[in-house]
Amino acid sequence: MGSLLLISGPVRAEEWQPKTLADGQPDVQGFWHTQMQGTYSLNNPRNGGGGRPPKWFLAKREGKQGPVRPSRISDPADGQVPYQPWAREKQKYIEGNIDKPVKQEFIDPQARCFPDGVTRTQWWHEYEIRQYPGYVVFVFDAAVRIVSISDKPHIPSKIKLWMSDSRGRWEGNTLVIDVTSSNSKHRLSNEGDFASDNVHITERLTFSDTNTYTYQATYDDPSVYTRPWTVTSKQIRGHANDPGYEFLEYACVEGERNAQEISASAK
């Protein structure tokens, strides 16, 4: 299993000369995935979905530390979300009950098939980048995100969306995306990490060659955190030699009974 890419400052990629599209955008179309997929934890990530894996259970039962991997959080240096005290208490309250979600507030909205928001969706499954004049479109198996490459203003702040409102610009080979209007009803991990609907996210997608780019997202939310913080992950191109590849159908839909089954199994 490859190690995570940990970078504290902006990533640069001036040397690579990509093909460009008619509107001048670097051509980065195709299928992509995170080096380590899965959204269980921000500061101890692993492949896969929700719930603690057997190694965590065994270690806890024996009074030992479970597996520890490099944090996705590249700033601050301790690899932790810089929560305000009340927010850390709320996150720990959710985390302490994720294995026995006997109340609806403990159930991850992901288990109820709701959208995961811009950052968590990036890590969950593979996705496709499509480009059109003035737009970059991220096609996920359960969501679509449209980034307008323009200086047009954001939508009114009173409007809140599951996948937020995104405005992008290219700085060389780096796509910088300004993200506002998140409804923040999703979580940032299975461990209960969260933001408020006041959050402002700045993403930087730096393409260093045909098959690799670095994803960075800085979260700024003074109502929840003591300072802005940044996550970093390496993204890898997939299916480059399979022009006929398509996503499989994603059957998770709002209203299915996964959430009830999770609650029942915890009793």
C-alpha atoms as a PDB file:
ATOM      1  CA  MET A   1       0.000   0.000   0.000  1.00  0.00           C
ATOM      2  CA  GLY A   2       1.508   3.340  -0.998  1.00  0.00           C
ATOM      3  CA  SER A   3       2.139   6.061   1.519  1.00  0.00           C
ATOM      4  CA  LEU A   4       0.063   9.197   1.561  1.00  0.00           C
ATOM      5  CA  LEU A   5       1.392  12.374   0.014  1.00  0.00           C
ATOM      6  CA  LEU A   6       1.950  14.944   2.738  1.00  0.00           C
ATOM      7  CA  ILE A   7       2.645  18.497   1.598  1.00  0.00           C
ATOM      8  CA  SER A   8       2.244  21.553   3.799  1.00  0.00           C
ATOM      9  CA  GLY A   9       2.523  24.370   1.241  1.00  0.00           C
ATOM     10  CA  PRO A  10       1.231  25.004  -2.275  1.00  0.00           C
ATOM     11  CA  VAL A  11       2.215  22.391  -4.841  1.00  0.00           C
ATOM     12  CA  ARG A  12       3.840  23.602  -8.052  1.00  0.00           C
ATOM     13  CA  ALA A  13       3.996  21.956 -11.472  1.00  0.00           C
ATOM     14  CA  GLU A  14       5.447  24.422 -13.957  1.00  0.00           C
ATOM     15  CA  GLU A  15       7.468  21.907 -15.981  1.00  0.00           C
ATOM     16  CA  TRP A  16       4.698  19.691 -17.355  1.00  0.00           C
ATOM     17  CA  GLN A  17       3.217  20.998 -20.604  1.00  0.00           C
ATOM     18  CA  PRO A  18      -0.252  19.480 -21.066  1.00  0.00           C
ATOM     19  CA  LYS A  19      -2.376  19.623 -24.166  1.00  0.00           C
ATOM     20  CA  THR A  20      -4.843  22.482 -24.080  1.00  0.00           C
ATOM     21  CA  LEU A  21      -8.490  22.653 -25.077  1.00  0.00           C
ATOM     22  CA  ALA A  22     -10.100  25.204 -27.367  1.00  0.00           C
ATOM     23  CA  ASP A  23     -10.854  27.548 -24.455  1.00  0.00           C
ATOM     24  CA  GLY A  24      -7.257  27.342 -23.189  1.00  0.00           C
ATOM     25  CA  GLN A  25      -7.840  24.947 -20.308  1.00  0.00           C
ATOM     26  CA  PRO A  26      -5.213  22.243 -19.705  1.00  0.00           C
ATOM     27  CA  ASP A  27      -6.750  18.958 -20.868  1.00  0.00           C
ATOM     28  CA  VAL A  28      -7.057  16.788 -17.736  1.00  0.00           C
ATOM     29  CA  GLN A  29     -10.097  14.767 -18.771  1.00  0.00           C
ATOM     30  CA  GLY A  30     -10.439  11.135 -17.799  1.00  0.00           C
ATOM     31  CA  PHE A  31     -11.009   8.865 -14.806  1.00  0.00           C
ATOM     32  CA  TRP A  32      -9.242   9.502 -11.514  1.00  0.00           C
ATOM     33  CA  HIS A  33      -9.090   8.096  -7.996  1.00  0.00           C
ATOM     34  CA  THR A  34      -7.418   8.900  -4.683  1.00  0.00           C
ATOM     35  CA  GLN A  35      -4.239   7.031  -3.845  1.00  0.00           C
ATOM     36  CA  MET A  36      -5.942   5.743  -0.698  1.00  0.00           C
ATOM     37  CA  GLN A  37      -9.701   5.635  -1.152  1.00  0.00           C
ATOM     38  CA  GLY A  38     -12.176   5.598   1.723  1.00  0.00           C
ATOM     39  CA  THR A  39     -13.526   8.176   4.153  1.00  0.00           C
ATOM     40  CA  TYR A  40     -13.369   6.461   7.518  1.00  0.00           C
ATOM     41  CA  SER A  41     -10.922   8.920   9.090  1.00  0.00           C
ATOM     42  CA  LEU A  42      -9.170  12.176   8.270  1.00  0.00           C
ATOM     43  CA  ASN A  43      -6.185  11.658  10.559  1.00  0.00           C
ATOM     44  CA  ASN A  44      -5.882   7.863  10.282  1.00  0.00           C
ATOM     45  CA  PRO A  45      -7.227   7.036   6.794  1.00  0.00           C
ATOM     46  CA  ARG A  46      -7.739   3.575   5.354  1.00  0.00           C
ATOM     47  CA  ASN A  47      -9.266   2.042   2.262  1.00  0.00           C
ATOM     48  CA  GLY A  48     -12.957   1.228   2.420  1.00  0.00           C
ATOM     49  CA  GLY A  49     -16.103   2.635   3.937  1.00  0.00           C
ATOM     50  CA  GLY A  50     -17.677   3.121   7.335  1.00  0.00           C
ATOM     51  CA  GLY A  51     -17.310   1.218  10.559  1.00  0.00           C
ATOM     52  CA  ARG A  52     -14.117   0.255  12.315  1.00  0.00           C
ATOM     53  CA  PRO A  53     -12.317  -2.676  10.667  1.00  0.00           C
ATOM     54  CA  PRO A  54     -11.448  -5.867  12.634  1.00  0.00           C
ATOM     55  CA  LYS A  55      -7.882  -4.692  13.409  1.00  0.00           C
ATOM     56  CA  TRP A  56      -9.284  -1.725  15.342  1.00  0.00           C
ATOM     57  CA  PHE A  57     -11.622  -3.954  17.343  1.00  0.00           C
ATOM     58  CA  LEU A  58      -8.890  -6.462  18.177  1.00  0.00           C
ATOM     59  CA  ALA A  59      -6.452  -3.777  19.266  1.00  0.00           C
ATOM     60  CA  LYS A  60      -9.053  -2.051  21.433  1.00  0.00           C
ATOM     61  CA  ARG A  61     -10.050  -5.324  23.100  1.00  0.00           C
ATOM     62  CA  GLU A  62      -6.403  -6.048  23.916  1.00  0.00           C
ATOM     63  CA  GLY A  63      -5.776  -2.514  25.144  1.00  0.00           C
ATOM     64  CA  LYS A  64      -3.438  -1.721  22.269  1.00  0.00           C
ATOM     65  CA  GLN A  65      -3.158   1.023  19.693  1.00  0.00           C
ATOM     66  CA  GLY A  66      -4.745   0.130  16.351  1.00  0.00           C
ATOM     67  CA  PRO A  67      -3.053   0.706  12.989  1.00  0.00           C
ATOM     68  CA  VAL A  68      -1.910   4.303  12.477  1.00  0.00           C
ATOM     69  CA  ARG A  69      -1.367   5.828   9.043  1.00  0.00           C
ATOM     70  CA  PRO A  70      -0.243   9.312   7.976  1.00  0.00           C
ATOM     71  CA  SER A  71      -2.952  11.918   8.404  1.00  0.00           C
ATOM     72  CA  ARG A  72      -4.643  13.472   5.394  1.00  0.00           C
ATOM     73  CA  ILE A  73      -4.388  16.738   7.288  1.00  0.00           C
ATOM     74  CA  SER A  74      -1.182  18.410   6.102  1.00  0.00           C
ATOM     75  CA  ASP A  75      -1.688  21.638   8.064  1.00  0.00           C
ATOM     76  CA  PRO A  76      -1.528  21.993  11.043  1.00  0.00           C
ATOM     77  CA  ALA A  77       1.555  19.876  11.529  1.00  0.00           C
ATOM     78  CA  ASP A  78      -0.004  17.657  14.216  1.00  0.00           C
ATOM     79  CA  GLY A  79      -2.423  16.229  11.624  1.00  0.00           C
ATOM     80  CA  GLN A  80      -5.520  17.112  13.663  1.00  0.00           C
ATOM     81  CA  VAL A  81      -8.564  19.229  12.855  1.00  0.00           C
ATOM     82  CA  PRO A  82      -8.177  22.423  14.957  1.00  0.00           C
ATOM     83  CA  TYR A  83     -11.643  22.347  16.497  1.00  0.00           C
ATOM     84  CA  GLN A  84     -12.925  24.817  19.033  1.00  0.00           C
ATOM     85  CA  PRO A  85     -13.525  23.005  22.352  1.00  0.00           C
ATOM     86  CA  TRP A  86     -17.289  22.663  21.877  1.00  0.00           C
ATOM     87  CA  ALA A  87     -16.817  21.364  18.323  1.00  0.00           C
ATOM     88  CA  ARG A  88     -14.201  18.791  19.403  1.00  0.00           C
ATOM     89  CA  GLU A  89     -16.599  17.593  22.084  1.00  0.00           C
ATOM     90  CA  LYS A  90     -19.351  17.194  19.471  1.00  0.00           C
ATOM     91  CA  GLN A  91     -17.040  15.286  17.089  1.00  0.00           C
ATOM     92  CA  LYS A  92     -15.886  12.954  19.869  1.00  0.00           C
ATOM     93  CA  TYR A  93     -19.493  12.376  20.921  1.00  0.00           C
ATOM     94  CA  ILE A  94     -20.355  11.199  17.399  1.00  0.00           C
ATOM     95  CA  GLU A  95     -17.152   9.152  17.076  1.00  0.00           C
ATOM     96  CA  GLY A  96     -17.831   7.415  20.373  1.00  0.00           C
ATOM     97  CA  ASN A  97     -21.136   6.116  19.087  1.00  0.00           C
ATOM     98  CA  ILE A  98     -20.416   5.205  15.464  1.00  0.00           C
ATOM     99  CA  ASP A  99     -20.231   1.478  16.238  1.00  0.00           C
ATOM    100  CA  LYS A 100     -23.597   1.501  18.030  1.00  0.00           C
ATOM    101  CA  PRO A 101     -25.686   4.198  16.321  1.00  0.00           C
ATOM    102  CA  VAL A 102     -28.817   3.736  18.423  1.00  0.00           C
ATOM    103  CA  LYS A 103     -29.857   7.344  17.743  1.00  0.00           C
ATOM    104  CA  GLN A 104     -30.354   8.895  14.335  1.00  0.00           C
ATOM    105  CA  GLU A 105     -27.804  11.619  15.156  1.00  0.00           C
ATOM    106  CA  PHE A 106     -25.093   8.930  15.267  1.00  0.00           C
ATOM    107  CA  ILE A 107     -25.830   7.617  11.770  1.00  0.00           C
ATOM    108  CA  ASP A 108     -23.540   8.952   9.082  1.00  0.00           C
ATOM    109  CA  PRO A 109     -25.590  10.718   6.372  1.00  0.00           C
ATOM    110  CA  GLN A 110     -23.523   8.688   3.907  1.00  0.00           C
ATOM    111  CA  ALA A 111     -25.307   5.575   5.194  1.00  0.00           C
ATOM    112  CA  ARG A 112     -28.574   7.285   4.282  1.00  0.00           C
ATOM    113  CA  CYS A 113     -27.296   7.842   0.724  1.00  0.00           C
ATOM    114  CA  PHE A 114     -27.027  11.609   0.999  1.00  0.00           C
ATOM    115  CA  PRO A 115     -24.291  13.455  -0.942  1.00  0.00           C
ATOM    116  CA  ASP A 116     -20.878  13.596   0.731  1.00  0.00           C
ATOM    117  CA  GLY A 117     -19.889  17.168  -0.130  1.00  0.00           C
ATOM    118  CA  VAL A 118     -17.007  18.320  -2.294  1.00  0.00           C
ATOM    119  CA  THR A 119     -14.021  16.907  -0.362  1.00  0.00           C
ATOM    120  CA  ARG A 120     -15.345  13.634   0.962  1.00  0.00           C
ATOM    121  CA  THR A 121     -16.814  12.731  -2.422  1.00  0.00           C
ATOM    122  CA  GLN A 122     -13.330  13.210  -3.876  1.00  0.00           C
ATOM    123  CA  TRP A 123     -12.010  10.338  -1.717  1.00  0.00           C
ATOM    124  CA  TRP A 124     -14.928   7.948  -1.722  1.00  0.00           C
ATOM    125  CA  HIS A 125     -14.925   6.374  -5.184  1.00  0.00           C
ATOM    126  CA  GLU A 126     -13.283   6.941  -8.516  1.00  0.00           C
ATOM    127  CA  TYR A 127     -14.633   9.796 -10.616  1.00  0.00           C
ATOM    128  CA  GLU A 128     -14.433  11.278 -14.088  1.00  0.00           C
ATOM    129  CA  ILE A 129     -13.303  14.774 -15.026  1.00  0.00           C
ATOM    130  CA  ARG A 130     -14.984  16.225 -18.097  1.00  0.00           C
ATOM    131  CA  GLN A 131     -14.283  19.647 -19.556  1.00  0.00           C
ATOM    132  CA  TYR A 132     -16.456  21.955 -21.607  1.00  0.00           C
ATOM    133  CA  PRO A 133     -15.878  25.569 -22.672  1.00  0.00           C
ATOM    134  CA  GLY A 134     -15.882  27.498 -19.401  1.00  0.00           C
ATOM    135  CA  TYR A 135     -16.533  24.495 -17.171  1.00  0.00           C
ATOM    136  CA  VAL A 136     -14.865  21.590 -15.378  1.00  0.00           C
ATOM    137  CA  VAL A 137     -17.315  18.838 -14.455  1.00  0.00           C
ATOM    138  CA  PHE A 138     -16.654  16.121 -11.880  1.00  0.00           C
ATOM    139  CA  VAL A 139     -18.820  13.067 -12.514  1.00  0.00           C
ATOM    140  CA  PHE A 140     -19.019  10.775  -9.495  1.00  0.00           C
ATOM    141  CA  ASP A 141     -20.958   7.540  -9.396  1.00  0.00           C
ATOM    142  CA  ALA A 142     -23.563   9.161  -7.150  1.00  0.00           C
ATOM    143  CA  ALA A 143     -23.218  12.899  -7.818  1.00  0.00           C
ATOM    144  CA  VAL A 144     -22.195  15.512 -10.369  1.00  0.00           C
ATOM    145  CA  ARG A 145     -20.274  18.660  -9.524  1.00  0.00           C
ATOM    146  CA  ILE A 146     -20.053  21.578 -11.964  1.00  0.00           C
ATOM    147  CA  VAL A 147     -17.252  24.124 -11.583  1.00  0.00           C
ATOM    148  CA  SER A 148     -17.686  27.351 -13.528  1.00  0.00           C
ATOM    149  CA  ILE A 149     -14.386  28.701 -14.871  1.00  0.00           C
ATOM    150  CA  SER A 150     -15.298  32.346 -14.686  1.00  0.00           C
ATOM    151  CA  ASP A 151     -15.241  35.439 -12.517  1.00  0.00           C
ATOM    152  CA  LYS A 152     -19.005  35.416 -12.160  1.00  0.00           C
ATOM    153  CA  PRO A 153     -20.174  35.961  -8.563  1.00  0.00           C
ATOM    154  CA  HIS A 154     -21.241  33.105  -6.336  1.00  0.00           C
ATOM    155  CA  ILE A 155     -24.911  32.391  -5.770  1.00  0.00           C
ATOM    156  CA  PRO A 156     -26.533  34.275  -2.837  1.00  0.00           C
ATOM    157  CA  SER A 157     -25.171  33.126   0.514  1.00  0.00           C
ATOM    158  CA  LYS A 158     -28.655  32.277   1.783  1.00  0.00           C
ATOM    159  CA  ILE A 159     -28.830  29.408  -0.734  1.00  0.00           C
ATOM    160  CA  LYS A 160     -27.143  26.261   0.610  1.00  0.00           C
ATOM    161  CA  LEU A 161     -26.343  23.186  -1.478  1.00  0.00           C
ATOM    162  CA  TRP A 162     -25.170  19.631  -0.778  1.00  0.00           C
ATOM    163  CA  MET A 163     -22.282  20.005  -3.256  1.00  0.00           C
ATOM    164  CA  SER A 164     -21.782  23.732  -2.607  1.00  0.00           C
ATOM    165  CA  ASP A 165     -21.239  26.444  -5.224  1.00  0.00           C
ATOM    166  CA  SER A 166     -17.889  26.422  -7.041  1.00  0.00           C
ATOM    167  CA  ARG A 167     -16.018  29.011  -9.084  1.00  0.00           C
ATOM    168  CA  GLY A 168     -12.697  28.030 -10.623  1.00  0.00           C
ATOM    169  CA  ARG A 169      -9.690  29.537 -12.346  1.00  0.00           C
ATOM    170  CA  TRP A 170      -6.525  28.076 -13.826  1.00  0.00           C
ATOM    171  CA  GLU A 171      -3.134  29.184 -12.517  1.00  0.00           C
ATOM    172  CA  GLY A 172      -0.864  27.368 -14.955  1.00  0.00           C
ATOM    173  CA  ASN A 173      -1.431  23.662 -14.311  1.00  0.00           C
ATOM    174  CA  THR A 174      -3.287  24.297 -11.037  1.00  0.00           C
ATOM    175  CA  LEU A 175      -7.065  24.499 -10.923  1.00  0.00           C
ATOM    176  CA  VAL A 176      -8.015  26.764  -8.004  1.00  0.00           C
ATOM    177  CA  ILE A 177     -11.638  26.393  -6.889  1.00  0.00           C
ATOM    178  CA  ASP A 178     -13.411  28.770  -4.530  1.00  0.00           C
ATOM    179  CA  VAL A 179     -16.219  26.940  -2.722  1.00  0.00           C
ATOM    180  CA  THR A 180     -19.121  28.539  -0.846  1.00  0.00           C
ATOM    181  CA  SER A 181     -22.771  27.841   0.036  1.00  0.00           C
ATOM    182  CA  SER A 182     -22.298  24.365   1.514  1.00  0.00           C
ATOM    183  CA  ASN A 183     -25.284  23.180   3.519  1.00  0.00           C
ATOM    184  CA  SER A 184     -22.821  21.067   5.585  1.00  0.00           C
ATOM    185  CA  LYS A 185     -25.430  18.407   6.276  1.00  0.00           C
ATOM    186  CA  HIS A 186     -22.835  15.819   5.319  1.00  0.00           C
ATOM    187  CA  ARG A 187     -19.858  14.817   7.430  1.00  0.00           C
ATOM    188  CA  LEU A 188     -16.205  14.970   6.483  1.00  0.00           C
ATOM    189  CA  SER A 189     -15.498  11.441   7.727  1.00  0.00           C
ATOM    190  CA  ASN A 190     -17.150   8.444   9.361  1.00  0.00           C
ATOM    191  CA  GLU A 191     -15.716   9.666  12.674  1.00  0.00           C
ATOM    192  CA  GLY A 192     -18.052  12.642  12.817  1.00  0.00           C
ATOM    193  CA  ASP A 193     -15.797  15.420  11.527  1.00  0.00           C
ATOM    194  CA  PHE A 194     -17.854  18.377  10.367  1.00  0.00           C
ATOM    195  CA  ALA A 195     -18.044  22.006   9.271  1.00  0.00           C
ATOM    196  CA  SER A 196     -20.850  24.538   9.523  1.00  0.00           C
ATOM    197  CA  ASP A 197     -22.739  26.071   6.621  1.00  0.00           C
ATOM    198  CA  ASN A 198     -20.485  29.120   7.027  1.00  0.00           C
ATOM    199  CA  VAL A 199     -17.458  27.192   5.748  1.00  0.00           C
ATOM    200  CA  HIS A 200     -15.321  28.601   2.955  1.00  0.00           C
ATOM    201  CA  ILE A 201     -13.226  26.004   1.105  1.00  0.00           C
ATOM    202  CA  THR A 202     -10.330  26.718  -1.237  1.00  0.00           C
ATOM    203  CA  GLU A 203      -9.255  23.767  -3.376  1.00  0.00           C
ATOM    204  CA  ARG A 204      -6.040  23.491  -5.392  1.00  0.00           C
ATOM    205  CA  LEU A 205      -5.723  20.685  -7.955  1.00  0.00           C
ATOM    206  CA  THR A 206      -2.126  20.709  -9.198  1.00  0.00           C
ATOM    207  CA  PHE A 207      -1.428  18.479 -12.196  1.00  0.00           C
ATOM    208  CA  SER A 208       2.222  17.423 -12.263  1.00  0.00           C
ATOM    209  CA  ASP A 209       2.032  15.005 -15.219  1.00  0.00           C
ATOM    210  CA  THR A 210      -0.486  13.144 -17.368  1.00  0.00           C
ATOM    211  CA  ASN A 211      -1.329  10.608 -14.684  1.00  0.00           C
ATOM    212  CA  THR A 212      -0.974  12.433 -11.360  1.00  0.00           C
ATOM    213  CA  TYR A 213      -2.247  15.451  -9.522  1.00  0.00           C
ATOM    214  CA  THR A 214      -2.212  16.695  -5.946  1.00  0.00           C
ATOM    215  CA  TYR A 215      -5.488  17.659  -4.301  1.00  0.00           C
ATOM    216  CA  GLN A 216      -5.466  20.214  -1.496  1.00  0.00           C
ATOM    217  CA  ALA A 217      -8.464  21.721   0.274  1.00  0.00           C
ATOM    218  CA  THR A 218      -8.266  24.424   2.930  1.00  0.00           C
ATOM    219  CA  TYR A 219     -11.224  24.735   5.310  1.00  0.00           C
ATOM    220  CA  ASP A 220     -11.882  28.159   6.818  1.00  0.00           C
ATOM    221  CA  ASP A 221     -14.757  28.267   9.294  1.00  0.00           C
ATOM    222  CA  PRO A 222     -14.226  30.524  12.348  1.00  0.00           C
ATOM    223  CA  SER A 223     -17.521  29.332  13.829  1.00  0.00           C
ATOM    224  CA  VAL A 224     -16.131  25.777  14.239  1.00  0.00           C
ATOM    225  CA  TYR A 225     -12.316  25.858  14.013  1.00  0.00           C
ATOM    226  CA  THR A 226      -9.611  27.868  15.766  1.00  0.00           C
ATOM    227  CA  ARG A 227      -7.750  28.381  12.466  1.00  0.00           C
ATOM    228  CA  PRO A 228      -7.942  27.307   8.797  1.00  0.00           C
ATOM    229  CA  TRP A 229      -6.680  23.779   8.093  1.00  0.00           C
ATOM    230  CA  THR A 230      -5.710  21.840   4.970  1.00  0.00           C
ATOM    231  CA  VAL A 231      -6.063  18.284   3.689  1.00  0.00           C
ATOM    232  CA  THR A 232      -3.791  16.874   0.982  1.00  0.00           C
ATOM    233  CA  SER A 233      -4.048  13.711  -1.105  1.00  0.00           C
ATOM    234  CA  LYS A 234      -2.536  12.262  -4.248  1.00  0.00           C
ATOM    235  CA  GLN A 235      -4.853  11.561  -7.198  1.00  0.00           C
ATOM    236  CA  ILE A 236      -4.046   8.964  -9.861  1.00  0.00           C
ATOM    237  CA  ARG A 237      -5.424   8.502 -13.371  1.00  0.00           C
ATOM    238  CA  GLY A 238      -7.247   5.244 -14.056  1.00  0.00           C
ATOM    239  CA  HIS A 239      -8.476   3.334 -17.111  1.00  0.00           C
ATOM    240  CA  ALA A 240      -6.181   5.300 -19.418  1.00  0.00           C
ATOM    241  CA  ASN A 241      -5.981   2.317 -21.784  1.00  0.00           C
ATOM    242  CA  ASP A 242      -9.672   1.453 -21.649  1.00  0.00           C
ATOM    243  CA  PRO A 243     -11.561   3.999 -23.791  1.00  0.00           C
ATOM    244  CA  GLY A 244     -14.826   2.098 -23.396  1.00  0.00           C
ATOM    245  CA  TYR A 245     -14.815   2.134 -19.594  1.00  0.00           C
ATOM    246  CA  GLU A 246     -17.993   3.287 -17.842  1.00  0.00           C
ATOM    247  CA  PHE A 247     -19.089   3.544 -14.231  1.00  0.00           C
ATOM    248  CA  LEU A 248     -21.093   0.697 -12.792  1.00  0.00           C
ATOM    249  CA  GLU A 249     -24.564   1.647 -11.598  1.00  0.00           C
ATOM    250  CA  TYR A 250     -24.596   3.019  -8.057  1.00  0.00           C
ATOM    251  CA  ALA A 251     -27.740   1.737  -6.388  1.00  0.00           C
ATOM    252  CA  CYS A 252     -27.647   3.664  -3.100  1.00  0.00           C
ATOM    253  CA  VAL A 253     -30.714   5.903  -3.118  1.00  0.00           C
ATOM    254  CA  GLU A 254     -32.432   8.071  -0.545  1.00  0.00           C
ATOM    255  CA  GLY A 255     -35.036   6.055   1.325  1.00  0.00           C
ATOM    256  CA  GLU A 256     -33.320   2.657   1.266  1.00  0.00           C
ATOM    257  CA  ARG A 257     -33.101   0.809   4.551  1.00  0.00           C
ATOM    258  CA  ASN A 258     -29.352   0.739   5.261  1.00  0.00           C
ATOM    259  CA  ALA A 259     -29.678   3.224   8.111  1.00  0.00           C
ATOM    260  CA  GLN A 260     -32.377   1.168   9.851  1.00  0.00           C
ATOM    261  CA  GLU A 261     -30.342  -1.998   9.440  1.00  0.00           C
ATOM    262  CA  ILE A 262     -27.277  -0.310  10.955  1.00  0.00           C
ATOM    263  CA  SER A 263     -29.297   0.776  13.978  1.00  0.00           C
ATOM    264  CA  ALA A 264     -30.889  -2.658  14.410  1.00  0.00           C
ATOM    265  CA  SER A 265     -27.532  -4.448  14.284  1.00  0.00           C
ATOM    266  CA  ALA A 266     -26.177  -2.199  17.030  1.00  0.00           C
ATOM    267  CA  LYS A 267     -28.860  -3.121  19.578  1.00  0.00           C
END
